[in-house]
Amino acid sequence: MNLSFFDQFSSPSLLGIPLVLIALTFPALLIPSPSNRWITSRLSTLQLWLVNLTTKQLMMPLDKKGHKWALILTSLMMFLLLINLLGLLPYTFTPTTQLSMNLALAFPLWLATLLTGLRNQPSASLGHLLPEGTPTPLIPALILIETTSLLIRPLALGVRLTANLTAGHLLIQLISTATTTLLPTMPAISLLTLLVLFLLTILEVAVAMIQAYVFVLLLSLYLQENI
């Protein structure tokens, strides 16, 4: 019984061929292609408004040197947002519940921000490892602690996204299972559980949006430290 709850997180396959690539490329098909017409559709207008709003929020912590990252960060934000929201549909697979994928997104981008800082301002980047005014006996310990906290950032990004989405999907499946199980014997309690399931689904939609935003926002903050 417990194993079936985690079957939803296993990568789907057809005839031995993994279908995770389809799950990764499908969100791109939902984005309408830009048009050369002066008057666009309401969907295109809404898409442009959302992209502009997202870009503005992500670029607020950055100065002008970091604005060249706008395309990468905004594209990553829209990619994670669509994958997280599509994963809430029935009989779908959420790639962002896989820690390996989240680490594959977090580690290269974190490394890029770190290498950018070491190339442009090596003294300031290395200075973050030792706060000013630190007593001499504490210098080795603080350098070790700050280095560990720096290296653990991509792992924290991946684990945070994976844990939040996995916990939400498990709660939805547990409550939906309880709803169908209690329906024949205790219909009143089953209806109450159905209401809880509906509220939890709304909460998970918010969590899916917030976690995509937090993932990219933290990357932009790491970038700001190194530019």
C-alpha atoms as a PDB file:
ATOM      1  CA  MET A   1       0.000   0.000   0.000  1.00  0.00           C
ATOM      2  CA  ASN A   2       2.769   2.443   0.923  1.00  0.00           C
ATOM      3  CA  LEU A   3       4.692   1.662  -2.242  1.00  0.00           C
ATOM      4  CA  SER A   4       1.742   2.635  -4.420  1.00  0.00           C
ATOM      5  CA  PHE A   5       1.804   6.154  -2.993  1.00  0.00           C
ATOM      6  CA  PHE A   6       5.294   6.656  -4.404  1.00  0.00           C
ATOM      7  CA  ASP A   7       4.600   5.121  -7.800  1.00  0.00           C
ATOM      8  CA  GLN A   8       3.525   8.542  -9.057  1.00  0.00           C
ATOM      9  CA  PHE A   9       7.120   9.769  -8.668  1.00  0.00           C
ATOM     10  CA  SER A  10       8.661   7.053 -10.825  1.00  0.00           C
ATOM     11  CA  SER A  11       9.648   8.125 -14.325  1.00  0.00           C
ATOM     12  CA  PRO A  12       7.033   6.894 -16.849  1.00  0.00           C
ATOM     13  CA  SER A  13       8.109   4.746 -19.778  1.00  0.00           C
ATOM     14  CA  LEU A  14       6.528   3.205 -22.852  1.00  0.00           C
ATOM     15  CA  LEU A  15       8.031   0.032 -24.306  1.00  0.00           C
ATOM     16  CA  GLY A  16      11.136   0.688 -22.219  1.00  0.00           C
ATOM     17  CA  ILE A  17      11.505   4.239 -23.570  1.00  0.00           C
ATOM     18  CA  PRO A  18      11.452   6.942 -20.846  1.00  0.00           C
ATOM     19  CA  LEU A  19       8.818   9.592 -21.416  1.00  0.00           C
ATOM     20  CA  VAL A  20      10.359  12.220 -19.165  1.00  0.00           C
ATOM     21  CA  LEU A  21      11.613  14.151 -22.200  1.00  0.00           C
ATOM     22  CA  ILE A  22       8.025  14.542 -23.405  1.00  0.00           C
ATOM     23  CA  ALA A  23       7.052  15.833 -19.974  1.00  0.00           C
ATOM     24  CA  LEU A  24       9.891  18.364 -20.165  1.00  0.00           C
ATOM     25  CA  THR A  25       9.135  19.599 -23.674  1.00  0.00           C
ATOM     26  CA  PHE A  26       5.337  19.651 -23.445  1.00  0.00           C
ATOM     27  CA  PRO A  27       5.133  22.944 -21.449  1.00  0.00           C
ATOM     28  CA  ALA A  28       6.896  24.748 -24.304  1.00  0.00           C
ATOM     29  CA  LEU A  29       4.027  23.777 -26.620  1.00  0.00           C
ATOM     30  CA  LEU A  30       1.547  25.629 -24.413  1.00  0.00           C
ATOM     31  CA  ILE A  31       3.310  28.977 -24.846  1.00  0.00           C
ATOM     32  CA  PRO A  32       1.791  30.785 -27.853  1.00  0.00           C
ATOM     33  CA  SER A  33       4.308  31.816 -30.463  1.00  0.00           C
ATOM     34  CA  PRO A  34       4.843  35.569 -30.963  1.00  0.00           C
ATOM     35  CA  SER A  35       2.944  37.227 -33.747  1.00  0.00           C
ATOM     36  CA  ASN A  36       3.919  40.053 -36.105  1.00  0.00           C
ATOM     37  CA  ARG A  37       0.430  41.548 -36.067  1.00  0.00           C
ATOM     38  CA  TRP A  38      -0.230  44.891 -34.396  1.00  0.00           C
ATOM     39  CA  ILE A  39      -3.328  43.574 -32.664  1.00  0.00           C
ATOM     40  CA  THR A  40      -2.739  40.283 -30.880  1.00  0.00           C
ATOM     41  CA  SER A  41      -5.096  37.949 -29.105  1.00  0.00           C
ATOM     42  CA  ARG A  42      -6.043  38.207 -25.453  1.00  0.00           C
ATOM     43  CA  LEU A  43      -3.964  35.127 -24.698  1.00  0.00           C
ATOM     44  CA  SER A  44      -0.842  36.689 -26.189  1.00  0.00           C
ATOM     45  CA  THR A  45      -1.493  39.925 -24.310  1.00  0.00           C
ATOM     46  CA  LEU A  46      -1.885  38.031 -21.047  1.00  0.00           C
ATOM     47  CA  GLN A  47       1.291  36.064 -21.740  1.00  0.00           C
ATOM     48  CA  LEU A  48       3.264  39.242 -22.451  1.00  0.00           C
ATOM     49  CA  TRP A  49       1.940  40.875 -19.289  1.00  0.00           C
ATOM     50  CA  LEU A  50       2.910  37.881 -17.159  1.00  0.00           C
ATOM     51  CA  VAL A  51       6.389  37.682 -18.687  1.00  0.00           C
ATOM     52  CA  ASN A  52       6.971  41.403 -18.150  1.00  0.00           C
ATOM     53  CA  LEU A  53       5.749  41.206 -14.556  1.00  0.00           C
ATOM     54  CA  THR A  54       7.935  38.175 -13.840  1.00  0.00           C
ATOM     55  CA  THR A  55      11.003  39.760 -15.407  1.00  0.00           C
ATOM     56  CA  LYS A  56      10.486  42.970 -13.438  1.00  0.00           C
ATOM     57  CA  GLN A  57      10.214  41.095 -10.134  1.00  0.00           C
ATOM     58  CA  LEU A  58      13.286  38.962 -10.833  1.00  0.00           C
ATOM     59  CA  MET A  59      15.435  41.914 -11.938  1.00  0.00           C
ATOM     60  CA  MET A  60      14.602  44.129  -8.962  1.00  0.00           C
ATOM     61  CA  PRO A  61      17.409  42.752  -6.717  1.00  0.00           C
ATOM     62  CA  LEU A  62      19.965  43.043  -9.541  1.00  0.00           C
ATOM     63  CA  ASP A  63      21.842  46.029 -10.859  1.00  0.00           C
ATOM     64  CA  LYS A  64      22.375  46.731 -14.554  1.00  0.00           C
ATOM     65  CA  LYS A  65      25.223  44.223 -14.823  1.00  0.00           C
ATOM     66  CA  GLY A  66      22.857  41.406 -13.922  1.00  0.00           C
ATOM     67  CA  HIS A  67      20.156  42.353 -16.428  1.00  0.00           C
ATOM     68  CA  LYS A  68      21.909  40.301 -19.096  1.00  0.00           C
ATOM     69  CA  TRP A  69      20.672  37.245 -17.144  1.00  0.00           C
ATOM     70  CA  ALA A  70      17.034  38.298 -17.629  1.00  0.00           C
ATOM     71  CA  LEU A  71      16.357  35.869 -20.488  1.00  0.00           C
ATOM     72  CA  ILE A  72      17.812  32.865 -18.636  1.00  0.00           C
ATOM     73  CA  LEU A  73      16.080  33.577 -15.326  1.00  0.00           C
ATOM     74  CA  THR A  74      12.705  34.426 -16.859  1.00  0.00           C
ATOM     75  CA  SER A  75      12.765  31.351 -19.106  1.00  0.00           C
ATOM     76  CA  LEU A  76      13.639  29.153 -16.122  1.00  0.00           C
ATOM     77  CA  MET A  77      10.833  30.717 -14.107  1.00  0.00           C
ATOM     78  CA  MET A  78       8.223  30.059 -16.804  1.00  0.00           C
ATOM     79  CA  PHE A  79       9.567  26.535 -17.367  1.00  0.00           C
ATOM     80  CA  LEU A  80       9.340  25.585 -13.679  1.00  0.00           C
ATOM     81  CA  LEU A  81       5.961  27.261 -13.301  1.00  0.00           C
ATOM     82  CA  LEU A  82       4.375  25.366 -16.185  1.00  0.00           C
ATOM     83  CA  ILE A  83       5.865  22.018 -15.128  1.00  0.00           C
ATOM     84  CA  ASN A  84       4.716  22.451 -11.519  1.00  0.00           C
ATOM     85  CA  LEU A  85       1.175  23.435 -12.529  1.00  0.00           C
ATOM     86  CA  LEU A  86       0.820  20.689 -15.143  1.00  0.00           C
ATOM     87  CA  GLY A  87       1.948  18.155 -12.540  1.00  0.00           C
ATOM     88  CA  LEU A  88      -1.196  18.879 -10.517  1.00  0.00           C
ATOM     89  CA  LEU A  89      -3.425  17.511 -13.289  1.00  0.00           C
ATOM     90  CA  PRO A  90      -4.631  13.902 -12.901  1.00  0.00           C
ATOM     91  CA  TYR A  91      -2.567  11.139 -14.499  1.00  0.00           C
ATOM     92  CA  THR A  92       0.404  13.402 -15.153  1.00  0.00           C
ATOM     93  CA  PHE A  93       4.067  13.198 -14.189  1.00  0.00           C
ATOM     94  CA  THR A  94       5.914  16.056 -12.480  1.00  0.00           C
ATOM     95  CA  PRO A  95       9.623  16.080 -13.426  1.00  0.00           C
ATOM     96  CA  THR A  96      10.414  18.597 -10.674  1.00  0.00           C
ATOM     97  CA  THR A  97       9.671  15.960  -8.028  1.00  0.00           C
ATOM     98  CA  GLN A  98      12.924  14.294  -9.112  1.00  0.00           C
ATOM     99  CA  LEU A  99      15.898  15.507  -7.086  1.00  0.00           C
ATOM    100  CA  SER A 100      18.295  14.653  -9.914  1.00  0.00           C
ATOM    101  CA  MET A 101      16.546  17.022 -12.301  1.00  0.00           C
ATOM    102  CA  ASN A 102      16.361  19.864  -9.792  1.00  0.00           C
ATOM    103  CA  LEU A 103      20.045  19.498  -9.019  1.00  0.00           C
ATOM    104  CA  ALA A 104      20.781  19.460 -12.741  1.00  0.00           C
ATOM    105  CA  LEU A 105      19.055  22.842 -12.963  1.00  0.00           C
ATOM    106  CA  ALA A 106      20.469  24.333  -9.767  1.00  0.00           C
ATOM    107  CA  PHE A 107      24.120  23.271  -9.884  1.00  0.00           C
ATOM    108  CA  PRO A 108      25.157  24.700 -13.309  1.00  0.00           C
ATOM    109  CA  LEU A 109      23.419  28.026 -12.688  1.00  0.00           C
ATOM    110  CA  TRP A 110      24.873  28.349  -9.183  1.00  0.00           C
ATOM    111  CA  LEU A 111      28.311  27.476 -10.545  1.00  0.00           C
ATOM    112  CA  ALA A 112      27.899  30.085 -13.267  1.00  0.00           C
ATOM    113  CA  THR A 113      27.135  32.785 -10.689  1.00  0.00           C
ATOM    114  CA  LEU A 114      30.128  31.695  -8.602  1.00  0.00           C
ATOM    115  CA  LEU A 115      32.522  31.701 -11.545  1.00  0.00           C
ATOM    116  CA  THR A 116      31.186  35.095 -12.637  1.00  0.00           C
ATOM    117  CA  GLY A 117      32.095  36.534  -9.257  1.00  0.00           C
ATOM    118  CA  LEU A 118      35.538  34.906  -9.200  1.00  0.00           C
ATOM    119  CA  ARG A 119      36.269  36.288 -12.668  1.00  0.00           C
ATOM    120  CA  ASN A 120      34.960  39.834 -12.222  1.00  0.00           C
ATOM    121  CA  GLN A 121      35.748  40.531  -8.569  1.00  0.00           C
ATOM    122  CA  PRO A 122      37.767  37.726  -6.982  1.00  0.00           C
ATOM    123  CA  SER A 123      38.679  39.678  -3.848  1.00  0.00           C
ATOM    124  CA  ALA A 124      35.066  40.560  -3.006  1.00  0.00           C
ATOM    125  CA  SER A 125      33.825  37.028  -3.765  1.00  0.00           C
ATOM    126  CA  LEU A 126      36.447  35.418  -1.535  1.00  0.00           C
ATOM    127  CA  GLY A 127      35.838  38.096   1.081  1.00  0.00           C
ATOM    128  CA  HIS A 128      32.379  36.663   1.728  1.00  0.00           C
ATOM    129  CA  LEU A 129      34.061  33.626   3.259  1.00  0.00           C
ATOM    130  CA  LEU A 130      35.500  35.708   6.118  1.00  0.00           C
ATOM    131  CA  PRO A 131      33.411  38.489   7.725  1.00  0.00           C
ATOM    132  CA  GLU A 132      35.247  41.668   8.622  1.00  0.00           C
ATOM    133  CA  GLY A 133      36.413  41.947  12.218  1.00  0.00           C
ATOM    134  CA  THR A 134      36.534  38.215  12.884  1.00  0.00           C
ATOM    135  CA  PRO A 135      38.795  37.265  15.846  1.00  0.00           C
ATOM    136  CA  THR A 136      41.974  35.506  14.752  1.00  0.00           C
ATOM    137  CA  PRO A 137      41.278  32.188  16.570  1.00  0.00           C
ATOM    138  CA  LEU A 138      37.906  31.869  14.808  1.00  0.00           C
ATOM    139  CA  ILE A 139      39.199  32.489  11.286  1.00  0.00           C
ATOM    140  CA  PRO A 140      39.784  28.797  10.303  1.00  0.00           C
ATOM    141  CA  ALA A 141      36.413  27.689  11.687  1.00  0.00           C
ATOM    142  CA  LEU A 142      34.504  30.545  10.014  1.00  0.00           C
ATOM    143  CA  ILE A 143      36.176  29.942   6.666  1.00  0.00           C
ATOM    144  CA  LEU A 144      35.208  26.270   6.872  1.00  0.00           C
ATOM    145  CA  ILE A 145      31.608  27.098   7.851  1.00  0.00           C
ATOM    146  CA  GLU A 146      31.169  29.744   5.136  1.00  0.00           C
ATOM    147  CA  THR A 147      32.681  27.469   2.501  1.00  0.00           C
ATOM    148  CA  THR A 148      30.309  24.670   3.501  1.00  0.00           C
ATOM    149  CA  SER A 149      27.302  27.001   3.378  1.00  0.00           C
ATOM    150  CA  LEU A 150      28.423  28.205  -0.058  1.00  0.00           C
ATOM    151  CA  LEU A 151      28.831  24.719  -1.481  1.00  0.00           C
ATOM    152  CA  ILE A 152      25.523  23.503  -0.082  1.00  0.00           C
ATOM    153  CA  ARG A 153      23.468  26.173  -1.870  1.00  0.00           C
ATOM    154  CA  PRO A 154      22.655  24.148  -5.009  1.00  0.00           C
ATOM    155  CA  LEU A 155      21.705  21.148  -2.857  1.00  0.00           C
ATOM    156  CA  ALA A 156      19.389  23.354  -0.794  1.00  0.00           C
ATOM    157  CA  LEU A 157      17.764  24.699  -3.962  1.00  0.00           C
ATOM    158  CA  GLY A 158      17.097  21.222  -5.327  1.00  0.00           C
ATOM    159  CA  VAL A 159      15.950  19.685  -2.052  1.00  0.00           C
ATOM    160  CA  ARG A 160      13.606  22.599  -1.276  1.00  0.00           C
ATOM    161  CA  LEU A 161      11.806  22.312  -4.610  1.00  0.00           C
ATOM    162  CA  THR A 162      11.667  18.512  -4.508  1.00  0.00           C
ATOM    163  CA  ALA A 163      10.471  18.272  -0.903  1.00  0.00           C
ATOM    164  CA  ASN A 164       7.677  20.828  -1.237  1.00  0.00           C
ATOM    165  CA  LEU A 165       6.224  19.339  -4.411  1.00  0.00           C
ATOM    166  CA  THR A 166       6.595  15.744  -3.229  1.00  0.00           C
ATOM    167  CA  ALA A 167       4.903  16.467   0.105  1.00  0.00           C
ATOM    168  CA  GLY A 168       2.010  18.205  -1.615  1.00  0.00           C
ATOM    169  CA  HIS A 169       1.433  15.396  -4.096  1.00  0.00           C
ATOM    170  CA  LEU A 170       1.525  12.809  -1.315  1.00  0.00           C
ATOM    171  CA  LEU A 171      -1.012  14.748   0.749  1.00  0.00           C
ATOM    172  CA  ILE A 172      -3.341  15.055  -2.224  1.00  0.00           C
ATOM    173  CA  GLN A 173      -3.137  11.333  -2.924  1.00  0.00           C
ATOM    174  CA  LEU A 174      -3.642  10.394   0.736  1.00  0.00           C
ATOM    175  CA  ILE A 175      -6.704  12.617   1.156  1.00  0.00           C
ATOM    176  CA  SER A 176      -8.209  11.546  -2.177  1.00  0.00           C
ATOM    177  CA  THR A 177      -7.738   7.899  -1.192  1.00  0.00           C
ATOM    178  CA  ALA A 178      -9.442   8.576   2.140  1.00  0.00           C
ATOM    179  CA  THR A 179     -12.321  10.322   0.342  1.00  0.00           C
ATOM    180  CA  THR A 180     -13.064   7.367  -1.938  1.00  0.00           C
ATOM    181  CA  THR A 181     -12.622   4.869   0.890  1.00  0.00           C
ATOM    182  CA  LEU A 182     -15.023   6.639   3.277  1.00  0.00           C
ATOM    183  CA  LEU A 183     -17.699   7.343   0.655  1.00  0.00           C
ATOM    184  CA  PRO A 184     -19.600   3.998   0.938  1.00  0.00           C
ATOM    185  CA  THR A 185     -19.557   3.841   4.747  1.00  0.00           C
ATOM    186  CA  MET A 186     -19.478   7.468   5.964  1.00  0.00           C
ATOM    187  CA  PRO A 187     -20.669   9.818   3.200  1.00  0.00           C
ATOM    188  CA  ALA A 188     -20.795  12.905   5.454  1.00  0.00           C
ATOM    189  CA  ILE A 189     -17.181  12.538   6.501  1.00  0.00           C
ATOM    190  CA  SER A 190     -16.273  11.771   2.906  1.00  0.00           C
ATOM    191  CA  LEU A 191     -17.809  15.063   1.764  1.00  0.00           C
ATOM    192  CA  LEU A 192     -15.891  16.886   4.476  1.00  0.00           C
ATOM    193  CA  THR A 193     -12.709  15.218   3.310  1.00  0.00           C
ATOM    194  CA  LEU A 194     -13.548  16.231  -0.256  1.00  0.00           C
ATOM    195  CA  LEU A 195     -13.771  19.857   0.881  1.00  0.00           C
ATOM    196  CA  VAL A 196     -10.355  19.528   2.526  1.00  0.00           C
ATOM    197  CA  LEU A 197      -9.037  18.053  -0.719  1.00  0.00           C
ATOM    198  CA  PHE A 198     -10.380  21.006  -2.699  1.00  0.00           C
ATOM    199  CA  LEU A 199      -8.734  23.508  -0.342  1.00  0.00           C
ATOM    200  CA  LEU A 200      -5.485  21.549  -0.419  1.00  0.00           C
ATOM    201  CA  THR A 201      -5.499  21.588  -4.219  1.00  0.00           C
ATOM    202  CA  ILE A 202      -5.809  25.384  -4.197  1.00  0.00           C
ATOM    203  CA  LEU A 203      -2.947  25.519  -1.710  1.00  0.00           C
ATOM    204  CA  GLU A 204      -0.807  23.300  -3.923  1.00  0.00           C
ATOM    205  CA  VAL A 205      -1.407  25.570  -6.911  1.00  0.00           C
ATOM    206  CA  ALA A 206      -0.052  28.427  -4.810  1.00  0.00           C
ATOM    207  CA  VAL A 207       2.880  26.301  -3.631  1.00  0.00           C
ATOM    208  CA  ALA A 208       3.736  25.333  -7.218  1.00  0.00           C
ATOM    209  CA  MET A 209       3.864  28.989  -8.221  1.00  0.00           C
ATOM    210  CA  ILE A 210       5.736  30.144  -5.125  1.00  0.00           C
ATOM    211  CA  GLN A 211       8.382  27.406  -5.310  1.00  0.00           C
ATOM    212  CA  ALA A 212       9.158  28.218  -8.948  1.00  0.00           C
ATOM    213  CA  TYR A 213       9.525  31.885  -8.007  1.00  0.00           C
ATOM    214  CA  VAL A 214      11.663  31.178  -4.929  1.00  0.00           C
ATOM    215  CA  PHE A 215      13.986  28.882  -6.901  1.00  0.00           C
ATOM    216  CA  VAL A 216      14.749  31.586  -9.480  1.00  0.00           C
ATOM    217  CA  LEU A 217      14.748  34.433  -6.946  1.00  0.00           C
ATOM    218  CA  LEU A 218      17.436  32.744  -4.859  1.00  0.00           C
ATOM    219  CA  LEU A 219      19.528  32.277  -7.996  1.00  0.00           C
ATOM    220  CA  SER A 220      19.188  35.986  -8.732  1.00  0.00           C
ATOM    221  CA  LEU A 221      20.279  36.802  -5.175  1.00  0.00           C
ATOM    222  CA  TYR A 222      23.320  34.552  -5.551  1.00  0.00           C
ATOM    223  CA  LEU A 223      24.070  36.364  -8.777  1.00  0.00           C
ATOM    224  CA  GLN A 224      23.804  39.758  -7.111  1.00  0.00           C
ATOM    225  CA  GLU A 225      26.470  38.734  -4.591  1.00  0.00           C
ATOM    226  CA  ASN A 226      28.930  38.066  -7.411  1.00  0.00           C
ATOM    227  CA  ILE A 227      28.434  41.033  -9.736  1.00  0.00           C
END
